C-alpha atoms as a PDB file:
ATOM      1  CA  MET A   1     178.546 187.617  13.537  1.00  0.00           C
ATOM      2  CA  SER A   2     180.655 184.509  14.007  1.00  0.00           C
ATOM      3  CA  GLN A   3     183.672 186.478  12.731  1.00  0.00           C
ATOM      4  CA  ASP A   4     183.241 188.954  15.574  1.00  0.00           C
ATOM      5  CA  THR A   5     183.179 186.117  18.097  1.00  0.00           C
ATOM      6  CA  SER A   6     186.286 184.418  16.708  1.00  0.00           C
ATOM      7  CA  HIS A   7     188.100 187.762  16.522  1.00  0.00           C
ATOM      8  CA  HIS A   8     187.487 188.339  20.247  1.00  0.00           C
ATOM      9  CA  GLN A   9     188.627 184.805  21.097  1.00  0.00           C
ATOM     10  CA  ASN A  10     191.952 185.199  19.239  1.00  0.00           C
ATOM     11  CA  GLN A  11     192.620 188.726  20.416  1.00  0.00           C
ATOM     12  CA  GLY A  12     194.762 187.805  23.445  1.00  0.00           C
ATOM     13  CA  ARG A  13     196.922 185.232  21.678  1.00  0.00           C
ATOM     14  CA  ASP A  14     199.141 187.752  19.912  1.00  0.00           C
ATOM     15  CA  GLN A  15     200.266 189.374  23.142  1.00  0.00           C
ATOM     16  CA  VAL A  16     203.754 188.596  24.409  1.00  0.00           C
ATOM     17  CA  PRO A  17     204.301 188.839  28.166  1.00  0.00           C
ATOM     18  CA  ILE A  18     207.352 190.780  29.317  1.00  0.00           C
ATOM     19  CA  ALA A  19     209.043 190.694  32.671  1.00  0.00           C
ATOM     20  CA  ALA A  20     208.489 193.591  35.064  1.00  0.00           C
ATOM     21  CA  LEU A  21     211.417 195.888  35.670  1.00  0.00           C
ATOM     22  CA  PRO A  22     213.168 195.264  38.989  1.00  0.00           C
ATOM     23  CA  PRO A  23     212.216 197.714  41.727  1.00  0.00           C
ATOM     24  CA  VAL A  24     214.439 200.692  42.465  1.00  0.00           C
ATOM     25  CA  PHE A  25     214.508 201.778  46.095  1.00  0.00           C
ATOM     26  CA  ALA A  26     215.603 205.159  47.450  1.00  0.00           C
ATOM     27  CA  HIS A  27     216.902 203.591  50.675  1.00  0.00           C
ATOM     28  CA  VAL A  28     219.747 201.090  50.415  1.00  0.00           C
ATOM     29  CA  ASP A  29     218.654 199.164  53.498  1.00  0.00           C
ATOM     30  CA  ILE A  30     215.166 198.648  52.057  1.00  0.00           C
ATOM     31  CA  ALA A  31     216.706 197.345  48.816  1.00  0.00           C
ATOM     32  CA  GLU A  32     218.884 194.918  50.793  1.00  0.00           C
ATOM     33  CA  HIS A  33     215.945 193.697  52.872  1.00  0.00           C
ATOM     34  CA  TYR A  34     213.883 193.196  49.708  1.00  0.00           C
ATOM     35  CA  GLN A  35     216.685 191.186  48.077  1.00  0.00           C
ATOM     36  CA  GLN A  36     216.970 189.061  51.226  1.00  0.00           C
ATOM     37  CA  GLY A  37     213.233 188.301  51.141  1.00  0.00           C
ATOM     38  CA  ARG A  38     212.390 190.101  54.375  1.00  0.00           C
ATOM     39  CA  PHE A  39     209.268 191.675  52.850  1.00  0.00           C
ATOM     40  CA  SER A  40     206.198 189.614  52.035  1.00  0.00           C
ATOM     41  CA  SER A  41     205.751 191.416  48.699  1.00  0.00           C
ATOM     42  CA  ARG A  42     207.244 193.999  46.392  1.00  0.00           C
ATOM     43  CA  LEU A  43     204.392 196.350  47.301  1.00  0.00           C
ATOM     44  CA  GLU A  44     205.242 196.112  50.988  1.00  0.00           C
ATOM     45  CA  ALA A  45     208.885 196.941  50.244  1.00  0.00           C
ATOM     46  CA  GLU A  46     207.973 199.876  48.019  1.00  0.00           C
ATOM     47  CA  LEU A  47     205.618 201.287  50.646  1.00  0.00           C
ATOM     48  CA  ALA A  48     208.252 200.876  53.345  1.00  0.00           C
ATOM     49  CA  ASP A  49     210.682 202.746  51.107  1.00  0.00           C
ATOM     50  CA  ILE A  50     208.184 205.606  50.744  1.00  0.00           C
ATOM     51  CA  LEU A  51     207.458 205.703  54.474  1.00  0.00           C
ATOM     52  CA  CYS A  52     211.099 205.554  55.555  1.00  0.00           C
ATOM     53  CA  ASN A  53     211.313 209.030  57.115  1.00  0.00           C
ATOM     54  CA  GLY A  54     214.318 210.595  58.742  1.00  0.00           C
ATOM     55  CA  GLN A  55     216.886 208.557  56.866  1.00  0.00           C
ATOM     56  CA  PRO A  56     219.064 209.913  54.094  1.00  0.00           C
ATOM     57  CA  VAL A  57     217.632 209.273  50.668  1.00  0.00           C
ATOM     58  CA  GLU A  58     219.732 208.576  47.625  1.00  0.00           C
ATOM     59  CA  GLU A  59     217.999 210.562  44.929  1.00  0.00           C
ATOM     60  CA  PRO A  60     217.017 208.253  42.085  1.00  0.00           C
ATOM     61  CA  GLU A  61     218.286 209.107  38.640  1.00  0.00           C
ATOM     62  CA  GLY A  62     215.892 211.426  36.854  1.00  0.00           C
ATOM     63  CA  GLY A  63     213.578 212.121  39.760  1.00  0.00           C
ATOM     64  CA  ARG A  64     213.022 213.116  43.333  1.00  0.00           C
ATOM     65  CA  PRO A  65     211.139 211.495  46.231  1.00  0.00           C
ATOM     66  CA  ILE A  66     207.442 212.288  46.430  1.00  0.00           C
ATOM     67  CA  ALA A  67     206.303 214.679  49.157  1.00  0.00           C
ATOM     68  CA  LEU A  68     203.190 213.351  50.891  1.00  0.00           C
ATOM     69  CA  THR A  69     200.583 215.104  52.997  1.00  0.00           C
ATOM     70  CA  ASP A  70     199.956 213.947  56.560  1.00  0.00           C
ATOM     71  CA  GLU A  71     196.713 212.349  55.415  1.00  0.00           C
ATOM     72  CA  ALA A  72     198.435 210.400  52.630  1.00  0.00           C
ATOM     73  CA  LEU A  73     201.141 209.251  55.048  1.00  0.00           C
ATOM     74  CA  SER A  74     198.473 208.064  57.470  1.00  0.00           C
ATOM     75  CA  VAL A  75     196.774 206.048  54.737  1.00  0.00           C
ATOM     76  CA  LEU A  76     200.075 204.485  53.665  1.00  0.00           C
ATOM     77  CA  HIS A  77     200.961 203.591  57.260  1.00  0.00           C
ATOM     78  CA  SER A  78     197.569 201.934  57.617  1.00  0.00           C
ATOM     79  CA  LEU A  79     198.096 200.018  54.382  1.00  0.00           C
ATOM     80  CA  ILE A  80     201.524 198.818  55.525  1.00  0.00           C
ATOM     81  CA  ARG A  81     200.091 197.563  58.829  1.00  0.00           C
ATOM     82  CA  THR A  82     197.346 195.739  56.958  1.00  0.00           C
ATOM     83  CA  LEU A  83     199.844 194.126  54.584  1.00  0.00           C
ATOM     84  CA  GLN A  84     202.107 193.111  57.439  1.00  0.00           C
ATOM     85  CA  SER A  85     199.264 191.556  59.412  1.00  0.00           C
ATOM     86  CA  LYS A  86     198.129 189.534  56.383  1.00  0.00           C
ATOM     87  CA  GLY A  87     201.627 188.459  55.395  1.00  0.00           C
ATOM     88  CA  ARG A  88     202.641 187.079  58.764  1.00  0.00           C
END
């Protein structure tokens, strides 16, 4: 039984943390604003990039922008407003 306990205690020690990949934005202006620190978080920048309607989108390599329903857009807009109000 003590072997089980020690095994669980040592389990996390063999893991090596790796850095997250840098974000890739569809809109150049969002990428520039993120690099300049104008967003309070990466999540806020990524959501702004998704919600950036009406502007030309540079199609990312290997994929296309996600089409969202009106309901999903409404939820994302709400989330952005919440993030902005907490970050400022």
